[in-house]
Protein backbone atom coordinates (compact mmCIF):
# COMPACT_ATOMS: atom_id res chain seq x y z
CA UNK A 1 64.68 47.31 28.45
CA UNK A 2 64.80 43.88 26.90
CA UNK A 3 61.81 41.79 26.47
CA UNK A 4 61.76 38.41 28.26
CA UNK A 5 61.29 35.28 25.87
CA UNK A 6 57.92 34.62 27.56
CA UNK A 7 56.59 38.03 26.73
CA UNK A 8 58.06 37.83 23.25
CA UNK A 9 56.24 34.42 22.68
CA UNK A 10 52.91 36.08 23.90
CA UNK A 11 53.46 39.14 21.71
CA UNK A 12 54.01 36.80 18.58
CA UNK A 13 50.88 34.77 19.35
CA UNK A 14 48.95 38.01 19.74
CA UNK A 15 50.22 39.27 16.47
CA UNK A 16 49.44 35.88 14.79
CA UNK A 17 46.02 36.06 16.27
CA UNK A 18 45.39 39.60 15.14
CA UNK A 19 46.46 38.81 11.51
CA UNK A 20 44.07 35.69 11.53
CA UNK A 21 41.42 37.78 12.71
CA UNK A 22 42.07 40.47 10.37
CA UNK A 23 41.73 38.25 7.45
CA UNK A 24 38.57 36.47 8.81
CA UNK A 25 36.06 38.77 6.89
CA UNK A 26 35.90 39.19 3.31
CA UNK A 27 34.51 42.65 3.08
CA UNK A 28 37.06 45.31 2.39
CA UNK A 29 38.16 48.13 4.80
CA UNK A 30 37.81 51.78 3.55
CA UNK A 31 40.05 54.70 4.53
CA UNK A 32 39.46 58.26 3.01
CA UNK A 33 42.16 60.81 3.69
CA UNK A 34 40.73 64.15 2.85
CA UNK A 35 43.04 67.18 2.91
CA UNK A 36 41.86 70.71 3.14
CA UNK A 37 42.83 73.20 0.34
CA UNK A 38 45.53 71.16 -1.06
CA UNK A 39 46.27 72.15 -4.68
CA UNK A 40 46.34 69.87 -7.75
CA UNK A 41 50.15 70.20 -7.87
CA UNK A 42 50.86 69.94 -4.07
CA UNK A 43 52.28 66.28 -3.85
CA UNK A 44 55.16 64.51 -5.70
CA UNK A 45 53.04 62.58 -8.10
CA UNK A 46 51.44 65.70 -9.35
CA UNK A 47 54.63 67.91 -9.63
CA UNK A 48 55.27 69.35 -6.18
CA UNK A 49 58.46 71.41 -5.88
CA UNK A 50 60.51 72.16 -2.90
CA UNK A 51 59.86 69.03 -0.75
CA UNK A 52 59.30 65.23 -1.18
CA UNK A 53 56.34 63.15 -0.40
CA UNK A 54 57.96 59.61 -0.41
CA UNK A 55 54.75 57.88 1.09
CA UNK A 56 52.46 59.40 -1.43
CA UNK A 57 54.91 58.37 -4.16
CA UNK A 58 54.69 54.92 -2.62
CA UNK A 59 50.81 55.07 -2.79
CA UNK A 60 51.27 55.91 -6.59
CA UNK A 61 53.65 52.91 -7.19
CA UNK A 62 51.25 50.60 -5.28
CA UNK A 63 48.09 52.01 -6.65
CA UNK A 64 46.53 54.37 -9.11
CA UNK A 65 46.61 58.18 -9.86
CA UNK A 66 43.61 60.00 -11.04
CA UNK A 67 44.73 62.99 -13.02
CA UNK A 68 41.10 64.02 -13.65
CA UNK A 69 39.75 63.81 -10.19
CA UNK A 70 37.25 66.31 -8.84
CA UNK A 71 35.78 67.55 -5.71
CA UNK A 72 32.04 68.68 -6.19
CA UNK A 73 32.46 72.23 -4.86
CA UNK A 74 35.39 74.51 -4.47
CA UNK A 75 34.77 75.39 -0.82
CA UNK A 76 34.82 73.42 2.39
CA UNK A 77 31.22 72.46 3.72
CA UNK A 78 29.67 71.78 0.45
CA UNK A 79 32.62 69.59 -0.72
CA UNK A 80 32.53 67.58 2.38
CA UNK A 81 28.74 67.05 2.13
CA UNK A 82 29.19 65.93 -1.44
CA UNK A 83 31.86 63.21 -0.56
CA UNK A 84 29.84 61.92 2.38
CA UNK A 85 26.52 61.73 0.63
CA UNK A 86 27.35 61.11 -2.94
CA UNK A 87 25.37 64.00 -3.89
CA UNK A 88 25.71 67.42 -5.45
CA UNK A 89 25.63 69.89 -2.56
CA UNK A 90 22.79 71.75 -4.30
CA UNK A 91 20.55 68.67 -4.09
CA UNK A 92 21.01 68.47 -0.22
CA UNK A 93 20.89 72.21 0.05
CA UNK A 94 24.58 72.71 1.45
CA UNK A 95 25.30 75.83 -0.61
CA UNK A 96 27.94 77.34 1.50
CA UNK A 97 30.24 77.11 4.62
CA UNK A 98 28.92 76.53 8.11
CA UNK A 99 30.55 78.26 11.01
CA UNK A 100 30.44 78.89 14.78
CA UNK A 101 27.32 80.70 14.70
CA UNK A 102 25.33 78.42 12.34
CA UNK A 103 22.24 76.78 13.46
CA UNK A 104 21.88 74.48 10.43
CA UNK A 105 23.89 71.42 9.15
CA UNK A 106 23.70 68.51 7.05
CA UNK A 107 20.30 67.02 7.53
CA UNK A 108 20.62 64.08 9.86
CA UNK A 109 18.15 62.17 7.53
CA UNK A 110 20.83 62.17 4.83
CA UNK A 111 22.77 58.73 4.43
CA UNK A 112 26.34 59.34 4.67
CA UNK A 113 29.07 56.70 3.69
CA UNK A 114 29.19 55.80 7.28
CA UNK A 115 25.46 55.15 7.46
CA UNK A 116 25.57 53.04 4.32
CA UNK A 117 28.51 50.96 5.70
CA UNK A 118 27.23 50.52 9.12
CA UNK A 119 24.24 48.63 7.88
CA UNK A 120 26.69 46.27 6.33
CA UNK A 121 28.38 45.58 9.73
CA UNK A 122 31.28 48.30 9.54
CA UNK A 123 32.87 50.13 12.43
CA UNK A 124 33.15 53.77 11.53
CA UNK A 125 35.14 56.72 12.67
CA UNK A 126 35.81 60.34 11.72
CA UNK A 127 39.17 61.98 12.86
CA UNK A 128 39.63 65.60 11.97
CA UNK A 129 37.63 68.58 10.76
CA UNK A 130 33.95 68.07 10.32
CA UNK A 131 32.46 71.39 9.16
CA UNK A 132 28.97 69.97 8.39
CA UNK A 133 27.22 71.64 11.43
CA UNK A 134 28.46 71.92 15.01
CA UNK A 135 25.26 71.47 17.03
CA UNK A 136 25.04 68.10 18.46
CA UNK A 137 22.38 66.85 16.05
CA UNK A 138 24.73 67.58 13.23
CA UNK A 139 27.87 66.01 14.45
CA UNK A 140 29.40 62.90 13.01
CA UNK A 141 28.12 60.44 15.83
CA UNK A 142 24.60 61.37 14.57
CA UNK A 143 25.66 60.96 10.95
CA UNK A 144 26.61 57.26 11.04
CA UNK A 145 30.16 57.36 12.91
CA UNK A 146 30.73 55.44 15.77
CA UNK A 147 33.81 57.81 16.86
CA UNK A 148 34.63 61.30 16.29
CA UNK A 149 37.73 63.28 17.50
CA UNK A 150 38.48 66.64 16.04
CA UNK A 151 37.30 70.16 15.50
CA UNK A 152 33.60 71.16 14.50
CA UNK A 153 34.71 73.48 11.61
CA UNK A 154 37.88 75.11 10.07
CA UNK A 155 40.64 75.58 12.36
CA UNK A 156 41.07 79.19 11.16
CA UNK A 157 37.68 79.94 12.60
CA UNK A 158 39.07 81.10 15.91
CA UNK A 159 40.04 84.21 17.90
CA UNK A 160 43.46 84.32 16.19
CA UNK A 161 42.20 84.67 12.63
CA UNK A 162 44.23 87.62 11.20
CA UNK A 163 41.04 89.35 10.25
CA UNK A 164 39.06 88.68 13.27
CA UNK A 165 37.38 91.82 14.46
CA UNK A 166 37.42 93.34 11.09
CA UNK A 167 36.02 90.82 8.48
CA UNK A 168 35.08 88.08 10.98
CA UNK A 169 34.01 87.70 14.51
CA UNK A 170 35.10 84.11 15.49
CA UNK A 171 35.03 82.76 19.03
CA UNK A 172 37.37 80.46 20.65
CA UNK A 173 37.98 77.02 18.85
CA UNK A 174 37.06 73.78 20.71
CA UNK A 175 38.06 70.21 20.51
CA UNK A 176 35.42 67.34 20.48
CA UNK A 177 35.30 63.69 21.38
CA UNK A 178 31.88 62.43 20.18
CA UNK A 179 29.67 65.24 21.10
CA UNK A 180 31.45 66.28 24.16
CA UNK A 181 33.78 69.39 24.23
CA UNK A 182 37.06 67.94 25.72
CA UNK A 183 38.97 71.21 25.34
CA UNK A 184 37.14 74.50 25.25
CA UNK A 185 39.93 76.64 23.76
CA UNK A 186 42.79 75.16 21.37
CA UNK A 187 45.92 77.00 21.32
CA UNK A 188 48.68 77.28 18.65
CA UNK A 189 50.55 74.51 20.51
CA UNK A 190 47.54 72.40 20.29
CA UNK A 191 47.25 73.06 16.51
CA UNK A 192 51.05 72.11 15.95
CA UNK A 193 49.78 68.43 17.04
CA UNK A 194 46.67 68.29 14.87
CA UNK A 195 48.27 65.85 12.22
CA UNK A 196 50.18 63.77 14.65
CA UNK A 197 47.15 63.15 17.00
CA UNK A 198 44.78 62.41 14.10
CA UNK A 199 47.16 59.98 12.69
CA UNK A 200 47.54 58.22 16.09
CA UNK A 201 44.03 57.99 16.41
CA UNK A 202 43.60 56.49 12.97
CA UNK A 203 46.27 53.83 13.56
CA UNK A 204 44.66 53.06 16.94
CA UNK A 205 41.28 52.46 15.21
CA UNK A 206 42.87 50.29 12.69
CA UNK A 207 44.45 48.10 15.27
CA UNK A 208 41.36 47.90 17.46
CA UNK A 209 39.03 46.99 14.47
CA UNK A 210 41.34 44.64 12.44
CA UNK A 211 39.11 41.73 13.00
CA UNK A 212 36.05 43.37 11.47
CA UNK A 213 35.46 45.63 8.48
CA UNK A 214 35.91 49.38 9.12
CA UNK A 215 35.68 52.89 7.48
CA UNK A 216 37.90 55.69 8.60
CA UNK A 217 37.20 59.25 7.47
CA UNK A 218 40.37 61.28 8.02
CA UNK A 219 39.58 64.90 7.07
CA UNK A 220 42.94 66.64 7.95
CA UNK A 221 42.50 70.39 8.82
CA UNK A 222 45.81 71.04 6.96
CA UNK A 223 47.07 72.47 4.73
CA UNK A 224 44.37 75.02 5.13
CA UNK A 225 45.70 78.15 7.01
CA UNK A 226 46.73 78.66 9.60
CA UNK A 227 49.68 76.26 8.96
CA UNK A 228 51.09 74.22 11.91
CA UNK A 229 53.55 71.45 12.21
CA UNK A 230 54.82 69.46 15.05
CA UNK A 231 58.50 69.79 15.90
CA UNK A 232 60.02 67.05 13.77
CA UNK A 233 58.59 68.64 10.70
CA UNK A 234 59.16 72.23 11.35
CA UNK A 235 61.68 73.81 8.97
CA UNK A 236 62.43 70.54 7.01
CA UNK A 237 61.59 71.72 3.44
CA UNK A 238 62.67 74.33 0.97
CA UNK A 239 59.16 75.48 0.44
CA UNK A 240 58.74 76.90 3.97
CA UNK A 241 55.90 76.25 6.31
CA UNK A 242 53.46 75.02 3.49
CA UNK A 243 56.00 72.42 2.43
CA UNK A 244 56.53 71.43 6.11
CA UNK A 245 52.82 70.93 6.62
CA UNK A 246 52.51 68.63 3.43
CA UNK A 247 55.51 66.68 4.54
CA UNK A 248 53.82 65.87 7.82
CA UNK A 249 50.67 64.70 5.97
CA UNK A 250 52.93 62.54 3.91
CA UNK A 251 54.28 61.06 7.10
CA UNK A 252 50.81 60.46 8.22
CA UNK A 253 49.96 58.52 5.08
CA UNK A 254 53.12 56.40 5.61
CA UNK A 255 52.10 55.57 9.30
CA UNK A 256 48.70 54.43 8.01
CA UNK A 257 50.09 52.21 5.33
CA UNK A 258 52.62 50.80 7.58
CA UNK A 259 49.84 49.95 10.17
CA UNK A 260 47.91 48.14 7.55
CA UNK A 261 51.08 46.17 6.51
CA UNK A 262 51.96 45.25 10.03
CA UNK A 263 48.60 43.86 10.82
CA UNK A 264 48.40 42.16 7.44
CA UNK A 265 45.32 43.72 6.24
CA UNK A 266 46.64 45.98 3.42
CA UNK A 267 45.38 43.78 0.56
CA UNK A 268 41.92 44.10 2.09
CA UNK A 269 41.80 47.88 2.40
CA UNK A 270 41.07 50.57 -0.19
CA UNK A 271 42.92 53.79 0.73
CA UNK A 272 41.75 57.02 -0.98
CA UNK A 273 43.85 60.19 -0.82
CA UNK A 274 42.48 63.49 -2.10
CA UNK A 275 41.45 67.10 -1.16
CA UNK A 276 38.17 69.07 -0.66
CA UNK A 277 39.15 71.85 -3.36
CA UNK A 278 42.00 73.70 -4.69
CA UNK A 279 44.39 76.17 -2.87
CA UNK A 280 43.36 79.47 -1.20
CA UNK A 281 45.52 81.43 -3.40
CA UNK A 282 44.86 84.58 -1.34
CA UNK A 283 47.37 83.28 1.19
CA UNK A 284 50.25 83.44 -1.33
CA UNK A 285 53.20 81.45 0.18
CA UNK A 286 50.75 79.68 2.68
CA UNK A 287 48.77 78.40 -0.04
CA UNK A 288 49.36 75.45 -2.44
CA UNK A 289 49.80 75.31 -6.14
CA UNK A 290 47.41 74.45 -8.99
CA UNK A 291 50.24 73.65 -11.41
CA UNK A 292 48.89 74.08 -15.04
CA UNK A 293 45.31 74.83 -13.98
CA UNK A 294 43.40 78.04 -13.77
CA UNK A 295 42.68 79.80 -10.51
CA UNK A 296 41.84 78.19 -7.30
CA UNK A 297 39.55 77.69 -4.24
CA UNK A 298 36.18 79.44 -4.66
CA UNK A 299 36.02 79.46 -8.40
CA UNK A 300 34.57 77.08 -10.82
CA UNK A 301 37.63 76.79 -12.96
CA UNK A 302 39.75 73.58 -12.85
CA UNK A 303 42.07 75.04 -10.09
CA UNK A 304 39.11 75.21 -7.69
CA UNK A 305 37.58 71.78 -8.44
CA UNK A 306 40.33 69.53 -9.74
CA UNK A 307 42.20 67.86 -7.03
CA UNK A 308 44.95 65.26 -6.58
CA UNK A 309 43.50 61.68 -6.42
CA UNK A 310 45.27 58.47 -5.50
CA UNK A 311 43.85 55.08 -4.47
CA UNK A 312 45.65 51.92 -3.51
CA UNK A 313 44.17 48.48 -2.96
CA UNK A 314 47.00 45.93 -3.66
CA UNK A 315 45.71 42.86 -5.68
CA UNK A 316 42.57 44.84 -6.85
CA UNK A 317 43.82 48.28 -8.26
CA UNK A 318 46.54 47.89 -10.68
CA UNK A 319 49.74 49.06 -9.32
CA UNK A 320 51.58 52.02 -10.82
CA UNK A 321 48.75 53.15 -13.26
CA UNK A 322 47.63 56.64 -14.22
CA UNK A 323 44.04 57.14 -15.03
CA UNK A 324 42.87 60.12 -16.98
CA UNK A 325 39.11 59.31 -16.81
CA UNK A 326 36.90 61.78 -15.05
CA UNK A 327 36.04 60.64 -11.48
CA UNK A 328 34.88 62.38 -8.40
CA UNK A 329 34.46 62.41 -4.65
CA UNK A 330 30.68 61.82 -5.11
CA UNK A 331 31.64 58.38 -6.59
CA UNK A 332 33.00 56.91 -3.32
CA UNK A 333 29.74 56.38 -1.69
CA UNK A 334 28.11 54.29 -4.55
CA UNK A 335 31.48 52.56 -5.02
CA UNK A 336 31.85 51.49 -1.61
CA UNK A 337 28.18 50.40 -1.27
CA UNK A 338 28.50 48.28 -4.32
CA UNK A 339 31.79 46.69 -3.22
CA UNK A 340 30.01 45.50 0.04
CA UNK A 341 26.54 44.82 -1.30
CA UNK A 342 25.08 47.51 0.85
CA UNK A 343 21.63 49.01 -0.29
CA UNK A 344 21.29 52.73 -0.90
CA UNK A 345 18.12 54.23 0.56
CA UNK A 346 15.04 54.28 -1.84
CA UNK A 347 13.64 57.55 -2.89
CA UNK A 348 16.84 59.53 -2.12
CA UNK A 349 18.89 59.64 -5.39
CA UNK A 350 22.61 59.92 -5.32
CA UNK A 351 24.65 61.75 -8.12
CA UNK A 352 27.86 59.56 -8.05
CA UNK A 353 28.42 56.41 -9.96
CA UNK A 354 30.20 53.16 -9.03
CA UNK A 355 33.78 53.45 -10.63
CA UNK A 356 35.12 49.98 -9.82
CA UNK A 357 35.35 49.55 -13.47
CA UNK A 358 38.39 51.99 -13.41
CA UNK A 359 40.36 49.94 -10.96
CA UNK A 360 41.96 47.42 -13.35
CA UNK A 361 43.55 50.23 -15.45
CA UNK A 362 41.65 49.37 -18.60
CA UNK A 363 40.65 52.32 -20.84
CA UNK A 364 36.97 52.53 -21.39
CA UNK A 365 34.48 54.95 -23.07
CA UNK A 366 33.21 57.55 -20.62
CA UNK A 367 29.76 57.61 -22.03
CA UNK A 368 27.37 60.46 -21.75
CA UNK A 369 28.06 61.26 -17.99
CA UNK A 370 27.55 64.93 -17.04
CA UNK A 371 29.10 66.91 -14.17
CA UNK A 372 27.86 70.03 -12.79
CA UNK A 373 29.73 72.90 -11.30
CA UNK A 374 28.01 75.30 -8.92
CA UNK A 375 28.91 78.60 -7.31
CA UNK A 376 26.56 79.26 -4.43
CA UNK A 377 23.18 78.06 -5.59
CA UNK A 378 24.03 79.00 -9.29
CA UNK A 379 24.86 76.65 -11.98
CA UNK A 380 28.07 77.97 -13.16
CA UNK A 381 29.56 75.27 -15.38
CA UNK A 382 28.71 71.85 -16.98
CA UNK A 383 31.28 69.14 -18.16
CA UNK A 384 30.75 66.21 -20.50
CA UNK A 385 33.92 64.30 -21.56
CA UNK A 386 36.52 66.72 -22.63
CA UNK A 387 34.11 69.76 -23.04
CA UNK A 388 33.37 72.24 -20.24
CA UNK A 389 30.84 74.94 -20.84
CA UNK A 390 31.20 77.93 -18.27
CA UNK A 391 28.14 80.24 -18.07
CA UNK A 392 28.46 84.00 -17.96
CA UNK A 393 29.21 85.19 -14.31
CA UNK A 394 31.61 86.99 -12.08
CA UNK A 395 34.33 85.63 -10.13
CA UNK A 396 36.61 87.31 -7.68
CA UNK A 397 40.52 87.29 -7.69
CA UNK A 398 42.23 88.34 -4.50
CA UNK A 399 45.50 89.98 -4.07
CA UNK A 400 48.02 87.40 -2.59
CA UNK A 401 49.43 87.82 0.83
CA UNK A 402 52.47 86.19 2.52
CA UNK A 403 53.67 84.80 5.83
CA UNK A 404 50.18 83.62 6.85
CA UNK A 405 48.43 87.11 6.29
CA UNK A 406 45.88 87.11 3.60
CA UNK A 407 46.07 89.35 0.56
CA UNK A 408 43.74 92.48 0.87
CA UNK A 409 41.82 94.00 -2.08
CA UNK A 410 40.28 91.94 -4.82
CA UNK A 411 39.35 92.17 -8.52
CA UNK A 412 36.00 91.22 -9.68
CA UNK A 413 36.29 89.60 -13.14
CA UNK A 414 33.44 88.59 -15.58
CA UNK A 415 33.54 85.75 -17.89
CA UNK A 416 31.27 85.33 -21.00
CA UNK A 417 29.86 82.07 -22.11
CA UNK A 418 32.88 80.10 -22.62
CA UNK A 419 33.65 76.48 -24.09
CA UNK A 420 37.03 74.93 -23.17
CA UNK A 421 38.65 71.80 -24.58
CA UNK A 422 40.25 70.47 -21.49
CA UNK A 423 42.04 67.71 -23.44
CA UNK A 424 44.07 70.30 -25.21
CA UNK A 425 43.64 73.37 -22.94
CA UNK A 426 43.55 72.25 -19.32
CA UNK A 427 44.28 75.73 -18.25
CA UNK A 428 41.03 77.13 -19.68
CA UNK A 429 42.96 79.68 -21.67
CA UNK A 430 41.21 79.63 -25.14
CA UNK A 431 37.25 79.97 -25.53
CA UNK A 432 36.32 77.87 -28.40
CA UNK A 433 32.46 78.65 -28.16
CA UNK A 434 32.18 80.06 -31.59
CA UNK A 435 34.00 76.98 -33.27
CA UNK A 436 31.70 74.41 -31.68
CA UNK A 437 28.01 75.54 -31.65
CA UNK A 438 26.76 72.10 -31.62
CA UNK A 439 28.54 71.28 -28.53
CA UNK A 440 27.22 74.46 -26.92
CA UNK A 441 23.75 73.44 -27.77
CA UNK A 442 24.08 70.11 -26.36
CA UNK A 443 25.56 71.16 -23.17
CA UNK A 444 23.00 73.94 -22.59
CA UNK A 445 20.24 71.47 -23.12
CA UNK A 446 21.75 69.24 -20.46
CA UNK A 447 22.30 72.29 -18.39
CA UNK A 448 18.42 73.13 -18.64
CA UNK A 449 17.56 69.61 -17.64
CA UNK A 450 19.75 70.03 -14.44
CA UNK A 451 18.32 73.43 -13.63
CA UNK A 452 14.81 71.92 -13.58
CA UNK A 453 15.83 69.02 -11.24
CA UNK A 454 18.45 70.92 -8.99
CA UNK A 455 17.45 74.64 -9.38
CA UNK A 456 19.65 77.62 -10.37
CA UNK A 457 19.78 80.42 -7.90
CA UNK A 458 17.65 81.16 -4.93
CA UNK A 459 14.60 81.97 -7.17
CA UNK A 460 14.72 78.55 -8.87
CA UNK A 461 14.54 75.83 -6.26
CA UNK A 462 14.48 72.64 -8.54
CA UNK A 463 12.12 69.72 -8.27
CA UNK A 464 14.29 67.31 -6.44
CA UNK A 465 16.19 69.20 -3.82
CA UNK A 466 16.23 67.98 -0.17
CA UNK A 467 16.23 70.39 2.82
CA UNK A 468 19.08 71.26 5.08
CA UNK A 469 19.17 70.33 8.67
CA UNK A 470 17.67 72.72 11.09
CA UNK A 471 15.11 74.30 8.92
């Protein structure tokens, strides 16, 4: 049907007004796109094979790729807690995953990115997978978000899990709007529409809030198993179902960038794309790729912690740049806060740092910054500049499955005290602990300081650890 000249004129005035309104505030908007179990080499800018990611390639051309970007834990709930609070999960006592029977969650007293930005006048929304406690007091609308639409925990925590009744006993999976269950039992057909619906809600929120600053947290349930795509993306890649899922996520990125361009607020919006941890290699062809890295999800090796990272903010972040400085998801909260002049709560330290200095593409010294890796409550590794010291311990390697089925059977492996030079050995293949005793001693001293503050294992609680919600 054709549009009448009068309606066309009204639409033009409306678009003009929206554009003027969109530029009427100087504070930047923030969108964090957070994938689930996406491997380091799962998108085009990081070497994906068997499918294309043109919109993420576009983000790369119009922004900055971070090749040494890290989640702060190698499984879901702790990693999400770290991103939202700017803290090591150990500091806020989120040491493992929540599930349908959990009675605990991220403590409501913790300040999330949404809390920090709301005090600066931001509209806030979370669309996707929460996984920080499903009881009402732990849901996003009690953690600084104005809106929440999505699932309360991982979308494999349902009655159709391939190991339900043997390894797990998951109930049905609900869908939430705010704190209300709007659909009690999701079906496979519902799951096929996850990426589409979350994208549409994101675009809708952008349009509705274009005249004031906003923060959108978009934690996609995918490409964590089970893999589902809507019809237009089913069977479109040479990589099978996994490639199809990533292709649909890439489409989602394009829809969001296009919406920002259409409204005229792209230059005032910082968009971040990353993942919560590395791929769940146990699922074989339904899992992603770590590329040159070692191991994957659930381990303290680079394949578990190092994730793809892209940021775009035209006019502020230098276009088409590659940044090899170490940065992390815990840096987002202090960076956003500093950008808008929002105060962080006193007496509640965060572990991230403001990384605005990286945005112009200038190479700078990384200083003495230290990064900690935890496995459960145990300090498993420590990183400073190119050096990574891994402490003696066990890790598990599962047999790989296929076709959506997990591999069964695993091998417990041990690693001795190991020092890796990540500049020359990103695959962590060569232990150089004997060649650099001075580095080992320095890192061990720093690790002892960290243990005193954050603890190390259940019997060493630490002097500056805050409680979990519900306890």
